[in-house]
């Protein structure tokens, strides 16, 4: 667990530094990504499924029609 903590800390630190260098707001980009994922992977289709977005999209189209 100590090694995992160290690696995660390195990755997080790098991400924070990169976002800062690019002028990005981490809270904003994370929230935007969560919103896109919620749209691409609606709970009613994605929960318990291993299907990729394109397969879920086909299932949704089939159900609608």
PDB file of N, CA and C in Angstrom:
ATOM      1  N   UNK A   1       0.819  -1.203   0.000  1.00  0.00           N
ATOM      2  CA  UNK A   1       0.000   0.000   0.000  1.00  0.00           C
ATOM      3  C   UNK A   1       0.859   1.262   0.000  1.00  0.00           C
ATOM      4  N   UNK A   2       2.002   1.218   0.674  1.00  0.00           N
ATOM      5  CA  UNK A   2       2.870   2.395   0.693  1.00  0.00           C
ATOM      6  C   UNK A   2       3.361   2.750  -0.701  1.00  0.00           C
ATOM      7  N   UNK A   3       3.724   1.750  -1.483  1.00  0.00           N
ATOM      8  CA  UNK A   3       4.185   2.008  -2.849  1.00  0.00           C
ATOM      9  C   UNK A   3       3.055   2.556  -3.723  1.00  0.00           C
ATOM     10  N   UNK A   4       1.875   2.031  -3.524  1.00  0.00           N
ATOM     11  CA  UNK A   4       0.721   2.526  -4.277  1.00  0.00           C
ATOM     12  C   UNK A   4       0.463   3.988  -3.918  1.00  0.00           C
ATOM     13  N   UNK A   5       0.511   4.302  -2.634  1.00  0.00           N
ATOM     14  CA  UNK A   5       0.321   5.696  -2.205  1.00  0.00           C
ATOM     15  C   UNK A   5       1.353   6.614  -2.861  1.00  0.00           C
ATOM     16  N   UNK A   6       2.605   6.172  -2.867  1.00  0.00           N
ATOM     17  CA  UNK A   6       3.672   6.976  -3.471  1.00  0.00           C
ATOM     18  C   UNK A   6       3.411   7.214  -4.956  1.00  0.00           C
ATOM     19  N   UNK A   7       3.047   6.167  -5.679  1.00  0.00           N
ATOM     20  CA  UNK A   7       2.797   6.307  -7.110  1.00  0.00           C
ATOM     21  C   UNK A   7       1.594   7.207  -7.386  1.00  0.00           C
ATOM     22  N   UNK A   8       0.527   7.017  -6.621  1.00  0.00           N
ATOM     23  CA  UNK A   8      -0.648   7.860  -6.800  1.00  0.00           C
ATOM     24  C   UNK A   8      -0.312   9.326  -6.524  1.00  0.00           C
ATOM     25  N   UNK A   9       0.483   9.564  -5.497  1.00  0.00           N
ATOM     26  CA  UNK A   9       0.899  10.924  -5.187  1.00  0.00           C
ATOM     27  C   UNK A   9       1.698  11.521  -6.335  1.00  0.00           C
ATOM     28  N   UNK A  10       2.603  10.755  -6.916  1.00  0.00           N
ATOM     29  CA  UNK A  10       3.380  11.240  -8.058  1.00  0.00           C
ATOM     30  C   UNK A  10       2.469  11.601  -9.233  1.00  0.00           C
ATOM     31  N   UNK A  11       1.520  10.736  -9.530  1.00  0.00           N
ATOM     32  CA  UNK A  11       0.609  10.973 -10.655  1.00  0.00           C
ATOM     33  C   UNK A  11      -0.251  12.212 -10.395  1.00  0.00           C
ATOM     34  N   UNK A  12      -0.788  12.318  -9.186  1.00  0.00           N
ATOM     35  CA  UNK A  12      -1.627  13.472  -8.854  1.00  0.00           C
ATOM     36  C   UNK A  12      -0.817  14.761  -8.927  1.00  0.00           C
ATOM     37  N   UNK A  13       0.379  14.750  -8.363  1.00  0.00           N
ATOM     38  CA  UNK A  13       1.226  15.942  -8.421  1.00  0.00           C
ATOM     39  C   UNK A  13       1.513  16.340  -9.860  1.00  0.00           C
ATOM     40  N   UNK A  14       1.839  15.373 -10.692  1.00  0.00           N
ATOM     41  CA  UNK A  14       2.110  15.659 -12.098  1.00  0.00           C
ATOM     42  C   UNK A  14       0.876  16.259 -12.771  1.00  0.00           C
ATOM     43  N   UNK A  15      -0.290  15.706 -12.506  1.00  0.00           N
ATOM     44  CA  UNK A  15      -1.530  16.212 -13.101  1.00  0.00           C
ATOM     45  C   UNK A  15      -1.815  17.640 -12.664  1.00  0.00           C
ATOM     46  N   UNK A  16      -1.614  17.933 -11.392  1.00  0.00           N
ATOM     47  CA  UNK A  16      -1.839  19.291 -10.886  1.00  0.00           C
ATOM     48  C   UNK A  16      -0.881  20.262 -11.562  1.00  0.00           C
ATOM     49  N   UNK A  17       0.395  19.890 -11.662  1.00  0.00           N
ATOM     50  CA  UNK A  17       1.377  20.757 -12.309  1.00  0.00           C
ATOM     51  C   UNK A  17       1.065  20.961 -13.788  1.00  0.00           C
ATOM     52  N   UNK A  18       0.651  19.907 -14.461  1.00  0.00           N
ATOM     53  CA  UNK A  18       0.323  20.003 -15.883  1.00  0.00           C
ATOM     54  C   UNK A  18      -0.906  20.885 -16.102  1.00  0.00           C
ATOM     55  N   UNK A  19      -1.924  20.699 -15.292  1.00  0.00           N
ATOM     56  CA  UNK A  19      -3.129  21.521 -15.408  1.00  0.00           C
ATOM     57  C   UNK A  19      -2.782  22.990 -15.180  1.00  0.00           C
ATOM     58  N   UNK A  20      -1.966  23.262 -14.190  1.00  0.00           N
ATOM     59  CA  UNK A  20      -1.564  24.632 -13.906  1.00  0.00           C
ATOM     60  C   UNK A  20      -0.784  25.226 -15.081  1.00  0.00           C
ATOM     61  N   UNK A  21       0.145  24.458 -15.631  1.00  0.00           N
ATOM     62  CA  UNK A  21       0.944  24.925 -16.765  1.00  0.00           C
ATOM     63  C   UNK A  21       0.080  25.201 -17.991  1.00  0.00           C
ATOM     64  N   UNK A  22      -1.022  24.481 -18.117  1.00  0.00           N
ATOM     65  CA  UNK A  22      -1.923  24.652 -19.259  1.00  0.00           C
ATOM     66  C   UNK A  22      -3.043  25.655 -18.976  1.00  0.00           C
ATOM     67  N   UNK A  23      -3.075  26.183 -17.771  1.00  0.00           N
ATOM     68  CA  UNK A  23      -4.114  27.142 -17.412  1.00  0.00           C
ATOM     69  C   UNK A  23      -5.485  26.520 -17.249  1.00  0.00           C
ATOM     70  N   UNK A  24      -5.522  25.262 -16.855  1.00  0.00           N
ATOM     71  CA  UNK A  24      -6.789  24.545 -16.694  1.00  0.00           C
ATOM     72  C   UNK A  24      -7.194  24.488 -15.231  1.00  0.00           C
ATOM     73  N   UNK A  25      -8.495  24.583 -14.995  1.00  0.00           N
ATOM     74  CA  UNK A  25      -9.058  24.458 -13.662  1.00  0.00           C
ATOM     75  C   UNK A  25      -9.444  22.995 -13.459  1.00  0.00           C
ATOM     76  N   UNK A  26      -8.778  22.326 -12.533  1.00  0.00           N
ATOM     77  CA  UNK A  26      -8.993  20.884 -12.330  1.00  0.00           C
ATOM     78  C   UNK A  26     -10.443  20.580 -11.976  1.00  0.00           C
ATOM     79  N   UNK A  27     -11.038  21.350 -11.072  1.00  0.00           N
ATOM     80  CA  UNK A  27     -12.437  21.104 -10.709  1.00  0.00           C
ATOM     81  C   UNK A  27     -13.341  21.193 -11.930  1.00  0.00           C
ATOM     82  N   UNK A  28     -13.105  22.187 -12.761  1.00  0.00           N
ATOM     83  CA  UNK A  28     -13.929  22.390 -13.956  1.00  0.00           C
ATOM     84  C   UNK A  28     -13.793  21.232 -14.945  1.00  0.00           C
ATOM     85  N   UNK A  29     -12.566  20.810 -15.223  1.00  0.00           N
ATOM     86  CA  UNK A  29     -12.391  19.752 -16.218  1.00  0.00           C
ATOM     87  C   UNK A  29     -12.869  18.397 -15.706  1.00  0.00           C
ATOM     88  N   UNK A  30     -12.732  18.164 -14.402  1.00  0.00           N
ATOM     89  CA  UNK A  30     -13.229  16.907 -13.835  1.00  0.00           C
ATOM     90  C   UNK A  30     -14.755  16.880 -13.893  1.00  0.00           C
ATOM     91  N   UNK A  31     -15.400  17.972 -13.522  1.00  0.00           N
ATOM     92  CA  UNK A  31     -16.863  18.034 -13.577  1.00  0.00           C
ATOM     93  C   UNK A  31     -17.369  17.864 -15.011  1.00  0.00           C
ATOM     94  N   UNK A  32     -16.672  18.483 -15.972  1.00  0.00           N
ATOM     95  CA  UNK A  32     -17.070  18.349 -17.378  1.00  0.00           C
ATOM     96  C   UNK A  32     -16.945  16.897 -17.842  1.00  0.00           C
ATOM     97  N   UNK A  33     -15.894  16.227 -17.418  1.00  0.00           N
ATOM     98  CA  UNK A  33     -15.695  14.824 -17.803  1.00  0.00           C
ATOM     99  C   UNK A  33     -16.758  13.929 -17.178  1.00  0.00           C
ATOM    100  N   UNK A  34     -17.083  14.182 -15.924  1.00  0.00           N
ATOM    101  CA  UNK A  34     -18.136  13.402 -15.262  1.00  0.00           C
ATOM    102  C   UNK A  34     -19.459  13.583 -15.994  1.00  0.00           C
ATOM    103  N   UNK A  35     -19.760  14.817 -16.388  1.00  0.00           N
ATOM    104  CA  UNK A  35     -20.999  15.086 -17.117  1.00  0.00           C
ATOM    105  C   UNK A  35     -21.019  14.327 -18.448  1.00  0.00           C
ATOM    106  N   UNK A  36     -19.904  14.364 -19.201  1.00  0.00           N
ATOM    107  CA  UNK A  36     -19.841  13.636 -20.481  1.00  0.00           C
ATOM    108  C   UNK A  36     -20.002  12.137 -20.261  1.00  0.00           C
ATOM    109  N   UNK A  37     -19.351  11.601 -19.232  1.00  0.00           N
ATOM    110  CA  UNK A  37     -19.474  10.170 -18.950  1.00  0.00           C
ATOM    111  C   UNK A  37     -20.909   9.799 -18.590  1.00  0.00           C
ATOM    112  N   UNK A  38     -21.573  10.652 -17.815  1.00  0.00           N
ATOM    113  CA  UNK A  38     -22.977  10.381 -17.455  1.00  0.00           C
ATOM    114  C   UNK A  38     -23.871  10.369 -18.684  1.00  0.00           C
ATOM    115  N   UNK A  39     -23.569  11.226 -19.656  1.00  0.00           N
ATOM    116  CA  UNK A  39     -24.349  11.252 -20.891  1.00  0.00           C
ATOM    117  C   UNK A  39     -24.047  10.030 -21.765  1.00  0.00           C
ATOM    118  N   UNK A  40     -22.771   9.647 -21.825  1.00  0.00           N
ATOM    119  CA  UNK A  40     -22.374   8.508 -22.659  1.00  0.00           C
ATOM    120  C   UNK A  40     -22.771   7.168 -22.037  1.00  0.00           C
ATOM    121  N   UNK A  41     -22.736   7.115 -20.726  1.00  0.00           N
ATOM    122  CA  UNK A  41     -22.978   5.854 -20.020  1.00  0.00           C
ATOM    123  C   UNK A  41     -24.119   6.020 -19.014  1.00  0.00           C
ATOM    124  N   UNK A  42     -25.370   6.167 -19.482  1.00  0.00           N
ATOM    125  CA  UNK A  42     -26.481   6.324 -18.545  1.00  0.00           C
ATOM    126  C   UNK A  42     -26.599   5.103 -17.637  1.00  0.00           C
ATOM    127  N   UNK A  43     -26.885   5.363 -16.394  1.00  0.00           N
ATOM    128  CA  UNK A  43     -26.931   4.301 -15.384  1.00  0.00           C
ATOM    129  C   UNK A  43     -27.847   3.160 -15.815  1.00  0.00           C
ATOM    130  N   UNK A  44     -29.002   3.494 -16.378  1.00  0.00           N
ATOM    131  CA  UNK A  44     -29.962   2.433 -16.728  1.00  0.00           C
ATOM    132  C   UNK A  44     -29.418   1.486 -17.797  1.00  0.00           C
ATOM    133  N   UNK A  45     -28.450   1.916 -18.587  1.00  0.00           N
ATOM    134  CA  UNK A  45     -27.842   1.037 -19.590  1.00  0.00           C
ATOM    135  C   UNK A  45     -26.494   0.485 -19.144  1.00  0.00           C
ATOM    136  N   UNK A  46     -25.723   1.290 -18.439  1.00  0.00           N
ATOM    137  CA  UNK A  46     -24.340   0.932 -18.165  1.00  0.00           C
ATOM    138  C   UNK A  46     -24.133   0.149 -16.870  1.00  0.00           C
ATOM    139  N   UNK A  47     -25.005   0.314 -15.898  1.00  0.00           N
ATOM    140  CA  UNK A  47     -24.797  -0.337 -14.606  1.00  0.00           C
ATOM    141  C   UNK A  47     -24.729  -1.851 -14.781  1.00  0.00           C
ATOM    142  N   UNK A  48     -23.624  -2.412 -14.321  1.00  0.00           N
ATOM    143  CA  UNK A  48     -23.427  -3.856 -14.400  1.00  0.00           C
ATOM    144  C   UNK A  48     -23.034  -4.353 -15.777  1.00  0.00           C
ATOM    145  N   UNK A  49     -22.816  -3.437 -16.718  1.00  0.00           N
ATOM    146  CA  UNK A  49     -22.467  -3.824 -18.078  1.00  0.00           C
ATOM    147  C   UNK A  49     -20.986  -3.542 -18.353  1.00  0.00           C
ATOM    148  N   UNK A  50     -20.380  -4.384 -19.161  1.00  0.00           N
ATOM    149  CA  UNK A  50     -19.003  -4.172 -19.558  1.00  0.00           C
ATOM    150  C   UNK A  50     -18.915  -3.580 -20.968  1.00  0.00           C
ATOM    151  N   UNK A  51     -20.068  -3.280 -21.541  1.00  0.00           N
ATOM    152  CA  UNK A  51     -20.117  -2.805 -22.924  1.00  0.00           C
ATOM    153  C   UNK A  51     -19.498  -1.427 -23.065  1.00  0.00           C
ATOM    154  N   UNK A  52     -18.878  -1.204 -24.205  1.00  0.00           N
ATOM    155  CA  UNK A  52     -18.311   0.099 -24.548  1.00  0.00           C
ATOM    156  C   UNK A  52     -19.426   1.032 -24.992  1.00  0.00           C
ATOM    157  N   UNK A  53     -19.099   2.318 -25.109  1.00  0.00           N
ATOM    158  CA  UNK A  53     -20.072   3.351 -25.464  1.00  0.00           C
ATOM    159  C   UNK A  53     -20.821   3.011 -26.744  1.00  0.00           C
ATOM    160  N   UNK A  54     -20.107   2.585 -27.783  1.00  0.00           N
ATOM    161  CA  UNK A  54     -20.776   2.330 -29.055  1.00  0.00           C
ATOM    162  C   UNK A  54     -21.786   1.182 -28.943  1.00  0.00           C
ATOM    163  N   UNK A  55     -21.485   0.199 -28.124  1.00  0.00           N
ATOM    164  CA  UNK A  55     -22.426  -0.907 -27.926  1.00  0.00           C
ATOM    165  C   UNK A  55     -23.633  -0.466 -27.096  1.00  0.00           C
ATOM    166  N   UNK A  56     -23.394   0.356 -26.086  1.00  0.00           N
ATOM    167  CA  UNK A  56     -24.514   0.879 -25.295  1.00  0.00           C
ATOM    168  C   UNK A  56     -25.416   1.747 -26.159  1.00  0.00           C
ATOM    169  N   UNK A  57     -24.813   2.517 -27.048  1.00  0.00           N
ATOM    170  CA  UNK A  57     -25.564   3.378 -27.942  1.00  0.00           C
ATOM    171  C   UNK A  57     -26.487   2.540 -28.833  1.00  0.00           C
ATOM    172  N   UNK A  58     -25.976   1.418 -29.336  1.00  0.00           N
ATOM    173  CA  UNK A  58     -26.798   0.524 -30.161  1.00  0.00           C
ATOM    174  C   UNK A  58     -27.942  -0.067 -29.348  1.00  0.00           C
ATOM    175  N   UNK A  59     -27.675  -0.446 -28.105  1.00  0.00           N
ATOM    176  CA  UNK A  59     -28.727  -0.984 -27.241  1.00  0.00           C
ATOM    177  C   UNK A  59     -29.809   0.066 -26.989  1.00  0.00           C
ATOM    178  N   UNK A  60     -29.388   1.311 -26.758  1.00  0.00           N
ATOM    179  CA  UNK A  60     -30.328   2.381 -26.513  1.00  0.00           C
ATOM    180  C   UNK A  60     -31.192   2.638 -27.734  1.00  0.00           C
ATOM    181  N   UNK A  61     -30.569   2.631 -28.920  1.00  0.00           N
ATOM    182  CA  UNK A  61     -31.319   2.841 -30.165  1.00  0.00           C
ATOM    183  C   UNK A  61     -32.304   1.701 -30.381  1.00  0.00           C
ATOM    184  N   UNK A  62     -31.895   0.490 -30.086  1.00  0.00           N
ATOM    185  CA  UNK A  62     -32.762  -0.680 -30.232  1.00  0.00           C
ATOM    186  C   UNK A  62     -33.983  -0.563 -29.313  1.00  0.00           C
ATOM    187  N   UNK A  63     -33.741  -0.135 -28.078  1.00  0.00           N
ATOM    188  CA  UNK A  63     -34.837   0.039 -27.104  1.00  0.00           C
ATOM    189  C   UNK A  63     -35.790   1.143 -27.510  1.00  0.00           C
ATOM    190  N   UNK A  64     -35.256   2.179 -28.155  1.00  0.00           N
ATOM    191  CA  UNK A  64     -36.097   3.328 -28.566  1.00  0.00           C
ATOM    192  C   UNK A  64     -36.775   3.099 -29.894  1.00  0.00           C
ATOM    193  N   UNK A  65     -36.377   2.039 -30.563  1.00  0.00           N
ATOM    194  CA  UNK A  65     -36.907   1.800 -31.717  1.00  0.00           C
ATOM    195  C   UNK A  65     -37.331   1.396 -32.897  1.00  0.00           C
TER     196      UNK A  65
END
